[in-house]
Amino acid sequence: MSNDAAFFRRQASTQRLEASAATLDNVRQRCERAAASWDAMATRAERTDTLRAERLPAATPPPAAE
């Protein structure tokens, strides 16, 4: 997992903690929406990393023979 995805997951976790501590409904809902957004960003970052890793070896030319 890339650093970006790990950061996004930590942010989502933080928002879930804030949501559980919130006393106002609108604040709890805002934190829950933020957590869902951070999770979606983490998922996209992980997918991008996976696709990049699959594509990278194919894009690297073989070493030139001497």
PDB file of N, CA and C in Angstrom:
ATOM      1  N   MET A   1       0.854  -1.169   0.000  1.00  0.00           N
ATOM      2  CA  MET A   1       0.000   0.000   0.000  1.00  0.00           C
ATOM      3  C   MET A   1       0.897   1.228   0.000  1.00  0.00           C
ATOM      4  N   SER A   2       0.543   2.194  -0.778  1.00  0.00           N
ATOM      5  CA  SER A   2       1.359   3.400  -0.865  1.00  0.00           C
ATOM      6  C   SER A   2       1.160   4.278   0.363  1.00  0.00           C
ATOM      7  N   ASN A   3       2.050   5.226   0.524  1.00  0.00           N
ATOM      8  CA  ASN A   3       1.918   6.161   1.627  1.00  0.00           C
ATOM      9  C   ASN A   3       0.637   6.968   1.521  1.00  0.00           C
ATOM     10  N   ASP A   4       0.242   7.308   0.297  1.00  0.00           N
ATOM     11  CA  ASP A   4      -0.991   8.072   0.115  1.00  0.00           C
ATOM     12  C   ASP A   4      -2.195   7.291   0.621  1.00  0.00           C
ATOM     13  N   ALA A   5      -2.296   6.044   0.246  1.00  0.00           N
ATOM     14  CA  ALA A   5      -3.424   5.227   0.676  1.00  0.00           C
ATOM     15  C   ALA A   5      -3.422   5.063   2.193  1.00  0.00           C
ATOM     16  N   ALA A   6      -2.258   4.879   2.773  1.00  0.00           N
ATOM     17  CA  ALA A   6      -2.171   4.750   4.229  1.00  0.00           C
ATOM     18  C   ALA A   6      -2.618   6.039   4.903  1.00  0.00           C
ATOM     19  N   PHE A   7      -2.204   7.170   4.355  1.00  0.00           N
ATOM     20  CA  PHE A   7      -2.629   8.465   4.892  1.00  0.00           C
ATOM     21  C   PHE A   7      -4.140   8.603   4.807  1.00  0.00           C
ATOM     22  N   PHE A   8      -4.716   8.249   3.655  1.00  0.00           N
ATOM     23  CA  PHE A   8      -6.157   8.341   3.475  1.00  0.00           C
ATOM     24  C   PHE A   8      -6.890   7.460   4.483  1.00  0.00           C
ATOM     25  N   ARG A   9      -6.379   6.251   4.714  1.00  0.00           N
ATOM     26  CA  ARG A   9      -7.012   5.351   5.694  1.00  0.00           C
ATOM     27  C   ARG A   9      -6.938   5.933   7.110  1.00  0.00           C
ATOM     28  N   ARG A  10      -5.800   6.543   7.439  1.00  0.00           N
ATOM     29  CA  ARG A  10      -5.687   7.175   8.774  1.00  0.00           C
ATOM     30  C   ARG A  10      -6.682   8.323   8.922  1.00  0.00           C
ATOM     31  N   GLN A  11      -6.834   9.107   7.870  1.00  0.00           N
ATOM     32  CA  GLN A  11      -7.785  10.218   7.916  1.00  0.00           C
ATOM     33  C   GLN A  11      -9.217   9.689   8.086  1.00  0.00           C
ATOM     34  N   ALA A  12      -9.550   8.620   7.387  1.00  0.00           N
ATOM     35  CA  ALA A  12     -10.881   8.031   7.513  1.00  0.00           C
ATOM     36  C   ALA A  12     -11.117   7.554   8.939  1.00  0.00           C
ATOM     37  N   SER A  13     -10.104   6.935   9.516  1.00  0.00           N
ATOM     38  CA  SER A  13     -10.218   6.467  10.897  1.00  0.00           C
ATOM     39  C   SER A  13     -10.427   7.634  11.860  1.00  0.00           C
ATOM     40  N   THR A  14      -9.689   8.712  11.638  1.00  0.00           N
ATOM     41  CA  THR A  14      -9.836   9.905  12.470  1.00  0.00           C
ATOM     42  C   THR A  14     -11.247  10.461  12.371  1.00  0.00           C
ATOM     43  N   GLN A  15     -11.785  10.507  11.169  1.00  0.00           N
ATOM     44  CA  GLN A  15     -13.140  11.028  10.984  1.00  0.00           C
ATOM     45  C   GLN A  15     -14.187  10.128  11.655  1.00  0.00           C
ATOM     46  N   ARG A  16     -13.961   8.817  11.615  1.00  0.00           N
ATOM     47  CA  ARG A  16     -14.896   7.913  12.292  1.00  0.00           C
ATOM     48  C   ARG A  16     -14.859   8.119  13.804  1.00  0.00           C
ATOM     49  N   LEU A  17     -13.660   8.352  14.351  1.00  0.00           N
ATOM     50  CA  LEU A  17     -13.547   8.638  15.790  1.00  0.00           C
ATOM     51  C   LEU A  17     -14.256   9.940  16.140  1.00  0.00           C
ATOM     52  N   GLU A  18     -14.075  10.954  15.307  1.00  0.00           N
ATOM     53  CA  GLU A  18     -14.752  12.229  15.549  1.00  0.00           C
ATOM     54  C   GLU A  18     -16.266  12.079  15.440  1.00  0.00           C
ATOM     55  N   ALA A  19     -16.712  11.245  14.508  1.00  0.00           N
ATOM     56  CA  ALA A  19     -18.145  11.015  14.361  1.00  0.00           C
ATOM     57  C   ALA A  19     -18.711  10.340  15.609  1.00  0.00           C
ATOM     58  N   SER A  20     -17.967   9.396  16.145  1.00  0.00           N
ATOM     59  CA  SER A  20     -18.474   8.705  17.337  1.00  0.00           C
ATOM     60  C   SER A  20     -18.486   9.609  18.561  1.00  0.00           C
ATOM     61  N   ALA A  21     -17.638  10.638  18.574  1.00  0.00           N
ATOM     62  CA  ALA A  21     -17.586  11.568  19.705  1.00  0.00           C
ATOM     63  C   ALA A  21     -18.527  12.759  19.533  1.00  0.00           C
ATOM     64  N   ALA A  22     -19.074  12.934  18.349  1.00  0.00           N
ATOM     65  CA  ALA A  22     -19.910  14.101  18.074  1.00  0.00           C
ATOM     66  C   ALA A  22     -21.241  14.011  18.806  1.00  0.00           C
ATOM     67  N   THR A  23     -21.677  15.145  19.320  1.00  0.00           N
ATOM     68  CA  THR A  23     -22.967  15.192  20.002  1.00  0.00           C
ATOM     69  C   THR A  23     -24.061  15.747  19.092  1.00  0.00           C
ATOM     70  N   LEU A  24     -23.662  16.484  18.081  1.00  0.00           N
ATOM     71  CA  LEU A  24     -24.632  17.049  17.141  1.00  0.00           C
ATOM     72  C   LEU A  24     -24.771  16.141  15.926  1.00  0.00           C
ATOM     73  N   ASP A  25     -26.009  15.933  15.509  1.00  0.00           N
ATOM     74  CA  ASP A  25     -26.276  15.057  14.359  1.00  0.00           C
ATOM     75  C   ASP A  25     -25.573  15.523  13.095  1.00  0.00           C
ATOM     76  N   ASN A  26     -25.615  16.830  12.831  1.00  0.00           N
ATOM     77  CA  ASN A  26     -25.011  17.323  11.589  1.00  0.00           C
ATOM     78  C   ASN A  26     -23.494  17.149  11.603  1.00  0.00           C
ATOM     79  N   VAL A  27     -22.871  17.273  12.759  1.00  0.00           N
ATOM     80  CA  VAL A  27     -21.427  17.079  12.853  1.00  0.00           C
ATOM     81  C   VAL A  27     -21.094  15.602  12.640  1.00  0.00           C
ATOM     82  N   ARG A  28     -21.866  14.717  13.253  1.00  0.00           N
ATOM     83  CA  ARG A  28     -21.646  13.275  13.087  1.00  0.00           C
ATOM     84  C   ARG A  28     -21.806  12.870  11.622  1.00  0.00           C
ATOM     85  N   GLN A  29     -22.848  13.390  10.978  1.00  0.00           N
ATOM     86  CA  GLN A  29     -23.078  13.069   9.573  1.00  0.00           C
ATOM     87  C   GLN A  29     -21.959  13.604   8.690  1.00  0.00           C
ATOM     88  N   ARG A  30     -21.490  14.807   8.977  1.00  0.00           N
ATOM     89  CA  ARG A  30     -20.385  15.378   8.205  1.00  0.00           C
ATOM     90  C   ARG A  30     -19.132  14.517   8.335  1.00  0.00           C
ATOM     91  N   CYS A  31     -18.845  14.074   9.552  1.00  0.00           N
ATOM     92  CA  CYS A  31     -17.665  13.225   9.777  1.00  0.00           C
ATOM     93  C   CYS A  31     -17.819  11.877   9.082  1.00  0.00           C
ATOM     94  N   GLU A  32     -19.023  11.329   9.096  1.00  0.00           N
ATOM     95  CA  GLU A  32     -19.257  10.056   8.414  1.00  0.00           C
ATOM     96  C   GLU A  32     -19.088  10.205   6.905  1.00  0.00           C
ATOM     97  N   ARG A  33     -19.566  11.322   6.349  1.00  0.00           N
ATOM     98  CA  ARG A  33     -19.371  11.568   4.908  1.00  0.00           C
ATOM     99  C   ARG A  33     -17.889  11.742   4.595  1.00  0.00           C
ATOM    100  N   ALA A  34     -17.187  12.443   5.461  1.00  0.00           N
ATOM    101  CA  ALA A  34     -15.747  12.645   5.251  1.00  0.00           C
ATOM    102  C   ALA A  34     -15.016  11.308   5.300  1.00  0.00           C
ATOM    103  N   ALA A  35     -15.373  10.453   6.249  1.00  0.00           N
ATOM    104  CA  ALA A  35     -14.736   9.135   6.355  1.00  0.00           C
ATOM    105  C   ALA A  35     -14.979   8.328   5.086  1.00  0.00           C
ATOM    106  N   ALA A  36     -16.186   8.379   4.565  1.00  0.00           N
ATOM    107  CA  ALA A  36     -16.498   7.649   3.332  1.00  0.00           C
ATOM    108  C   ALA A  36     -15.671   8.194   2.165  1.00  0.00           C
ATOM    109  N   SER A  37     -15.497   9.505   2.120  1.00  0.00           N
ATOM    110  CA  SER A  37     -14.688  10.107   1.057  1.00  0.00           C
ATOM    111  C   SER A  37     -13.226   9.703   1.168  1.00  0.00           C
ATOM    112  N   TRP A  38     -12.683   9.718   2.391  1.00  0.00           N
ATOM    113  CA  TRP A  38     -11.287   9.296   2.590  1.00  0.00           C
ATOM    114  C   TRP A  38     -11.112   7.840   2.196  1.00  0.00           C
ATOM    115  N   ASP A  39     -12.083   6.993   2.555  1.00  0.00           N
ATOM    116  CA  ASP A  39     -12.000   5.575   2.174  1.00  0.00           C
ATOM    117  C   ASP A  39     -12.012   5.414   0.653  1.00  0.00           C
ATOM    118  N   ALA A  40     -12.843   6.189  -0.020  1.00  0.00           N
ATOM    119  CA  ALA A  40     -12.905   6.110  -1.483  1.00  0.00           C
ATOM    120  C   ALA A  40     -11.576   6.548  -2.100  1.00  0.00           C
ATOM    121  N   MET A  41     -10.978   7.601  -1.539  1.00  0.00           N
ATOM    122  CA  MET A  41      -9.676   8.049  -2.054  1.00  0.00           C
ATOM    123  C   MET A  41      -8.611   6.983  -1.836  1.00  0.00           C
ATOM    124  N   ALA A  42      -8.655   6.308  -0.687  1.00  0.00           N
ATOM    125  CA  ALA A  42      -7.686   5.243  -0.410  1.00  0.00           C
ATOM    126  C   ALA A  42      -7.859   4.093  -1.387  1.00  0.00           C
ATOM    127  N   THR A  43      -9.090   3.741  -1.653  1.00  0.00           N
ATOM    128  CA  THR A  43      -9.362   2.661  -2.602  1.00  0.00           C
ATOM    129  C   THR A  43      -8.842   3.016  -3.989  1.00  0.00           C
ATOM    130  N   ARG A  44      -9.086   4.252  -4.420  1.00  0.00           N
ATOM    131  CA  ARG A  44      -8.581   4.689  -5.733  1.00  0.00           C
ATOM    132  C   ARG A  44      -7.059   4.682  -5.768  1.00  0.00           C
ATOM    133  N   ALA A  45      -6.423   5.134  -4.688  1.00  0.00           N
ATOM    134  CA  ALA A  45      -4.954   5.162  -4.642  1.00  0.00           C
ATOM    135  C   ALA A  45      -4.387   3.745  -4.705  1.00  0.00           C
ATOM    136  N   GLU A  46      -5.019   2.816  -3.986  1.00  0.00           N
ATOM    137  CA  GLU A  46      -4.565   1.425  -4.017  1.00  0.00           C
ATOM    138  C   GLU A  46      -4.735   0.827  -5.412  1.00  0.00           C
ATOM    139  N   ARG A  47      -5.845   1.129  -6.047  1.00  0.00           N
ATOM    140  CA  ARG A  47      -6.090   0.623  -7.398  1.00  0.00           C
ATOM    141  C   ARG A  47      -5.064   1.199  -8.377  1.00  0.00           C
ATOM    142  N   THR A  48      -4.790   2.476  -8.253  1.00  0.00           N
ATOM    143  CA  THR A  48      -3.796   3.124  -9.114  1.00  0.00           C
ATOM    144  C   THR A  48      -2.428   2.485  -8.925  1.00  0.00           C
ATOM    145  N   ASP A  49      -2.045   2.242  -7.670  1.00  0.00           N
ATOM    146  CA  ASP A  49      -0.755   1.608  -7.394  1.00  0.00           C
ATOM    147  C   ASP A  49      -0.680   0.216  -8.011  1.00  0.00           C
ATOM    148  N   THR A  50      -1.769  -0.542  -7.903  1.00  0.00           N
ATOM    149  CA  THR A  50      -1.804  -1.892  -8.458  1.00  0.00           C
ATOM    150  C   THR A  50      -1.666  -1.853  -9.980  1.00  0.00           C
ATOM    151  N   LEU A  51      -2.437  -0.990 -10.609  1.00  0.00           N
ATOM    152  CA  LEU A  51      -2.373  -0.885 -12.066  1.00  0.00           C
ATOM    153  C   LEU A  51      -1.005  -0.399 -12.530  1.00  0.00           C
ATOM    154  N   ARG A  52      -0.420   0.539 -11.801  1.00  0.00           N
ATOM    155  CA  ARG A  52       0.911   1.054 -12.158  1.00  0.00           C
ATOM    156  C   ARG A  52       1.951  -0.066 -12.039  1.00  0.00           C
ATOM    157  N   ALA A  53       1.856  -0.862 -10.980  1.00  0.00           N
ATOM    158  CA  ALA A  53       2.812  -1.958 -10.783  1.00  0.00           C
ATOM    159  C   ALA A  53       2.680  -3.004 -11.887  1.00  0.00           C
ATOM    160  N   GLU A  54       1.454  -3.253 -12.343  1.00  0.00           N
ATOM    161  CA  GLU A  54       1.248  -4.216 -13.425  1.00  0.00           C
ATOM    162  C   GLU A  54       1.790  -3.684 -14.747  1.00  0.00           C
ATOM    163  N   ARG A  55       1.655  -2.387 -14.956  1.00  0.00           N
ATOM    164  CA  ARG A  55       2.052  -1.775 -16.209  1.00  0.00           C
ATOM    165  C   ARG A  55       3.550  -1.489 -16.277  1.00  0.00           C
ATOM    166  N   LEU A  56       4.179  -1.230 -15.155  1.00  0.00           N
ATOM    167  CA  LEU A  56       5.583  -0.832 -15.120  1.00  0.00           C
ATOM    168  C   LEU A  56       6.523  -1.863 -15.732  1.00  0.00           C
ATOM    169  N   PRO A  57       6.448  -3.147 -15.361  1.00  0.00           N
ATOM    170  CA  PRO A  57       7.369  -4.112 -15.980  1.00  0.00           C
ATOM    171  C   PRO A  57       7.189  -4.207 -17.496  1.00  0.00           C
ATOM    172  N   ALA A  58       5.981  -4.057 -17.971  1.00  0.00           N
ATOM    173  CA  ALA A  58       5.732  -4.144 -19.413  1.00  0.00           C
ATOM    174  C   ALA A  58       6.308  -2.927 -20.149  1.00  0.00           C
ATOM    175  N   ALA A  59       6.395  -1.804 -19.480  1.00  0.00           N
ATOM    176  CA  ALA A  59       6.881  -0.593 -20.108  1.00  0.00           C
ATOM    177  C   ALA A  59       8.407  -0.477 -20.041  1.00  0.00           C
ATOM    178  N   THR A  60       9.040  -1.282 -19.226  1.00  0.00           N
ATOM    179  CA  THR A  60      10.494  -1.226 -19.082  1.00  0.00           C
ATOM    180  C   THR A  60      11.141  -2.054 -20.190  1.00  0.00           C
ATOM    181  N   PRO A  61      11.958  -1.425 -21.029  1.00  0.00           N
ATOM    182  CA  PRO A  61      12.590  -2.182 -22.124  1.00  0.00           C
ATOM    183  C   PRO A  61      13.652  -3.125 -21.572  1.00  0.00           C
ATOM    184  N   PRO A  62      13.875  -4.248 -22.243  1.00  0.00           N
ATOM    185  CA  PRO A  62      14.922  -5.171 -21.788  1.00  0.00           C
ATOM    186  C   PRO A  62      16.301  -4.527 -21.969  1.00  0.00           C
ATOM    187  N   PRO A  63      17.260  -4.943 -21.180  1.00  0.00           N
ATOM    188  CA  PRO A  63      18.598  -4.359 -21.332  1.00  0.00           C
ATOM    189  C   PRO A  63      19.179  -4.697 -22.713  1.00  0.00           C
ATOM    190  N   ALA A  64      19.952  -3.771 -23.229  1.00  0.00           N
ATOM    191  CA  ALA A  64      20.537  -3.959 -24.552  1.00  0.00           C
ATOM    192  C   ALA A  64      21.649  -5.004 -24.482  1.00  0.00           C
ATOM    193  N   ALA A  65      21.686  -5.884 -25.447  1.00  0.00           N
ATOM    194  CA  ALA A  65      22.730  -6.899 -25.512  1.00  0.00           C
ATOM    195  C   ALA A  65      24.004  -6.273 -26.089  1.00  0.00           C
ATOM    196  N   GLU A  66      25.120  -6.651 -25.546  1.00  0.00           N
ATOM    197  CA  GLU A  66      26.386  -6.087 -26.035  1.00  0.00           C
ATOM    198  C   GLU A  66      27.056  -7.014 -27.000  1.00  0.00           C
TER     199      GLU A  66
END
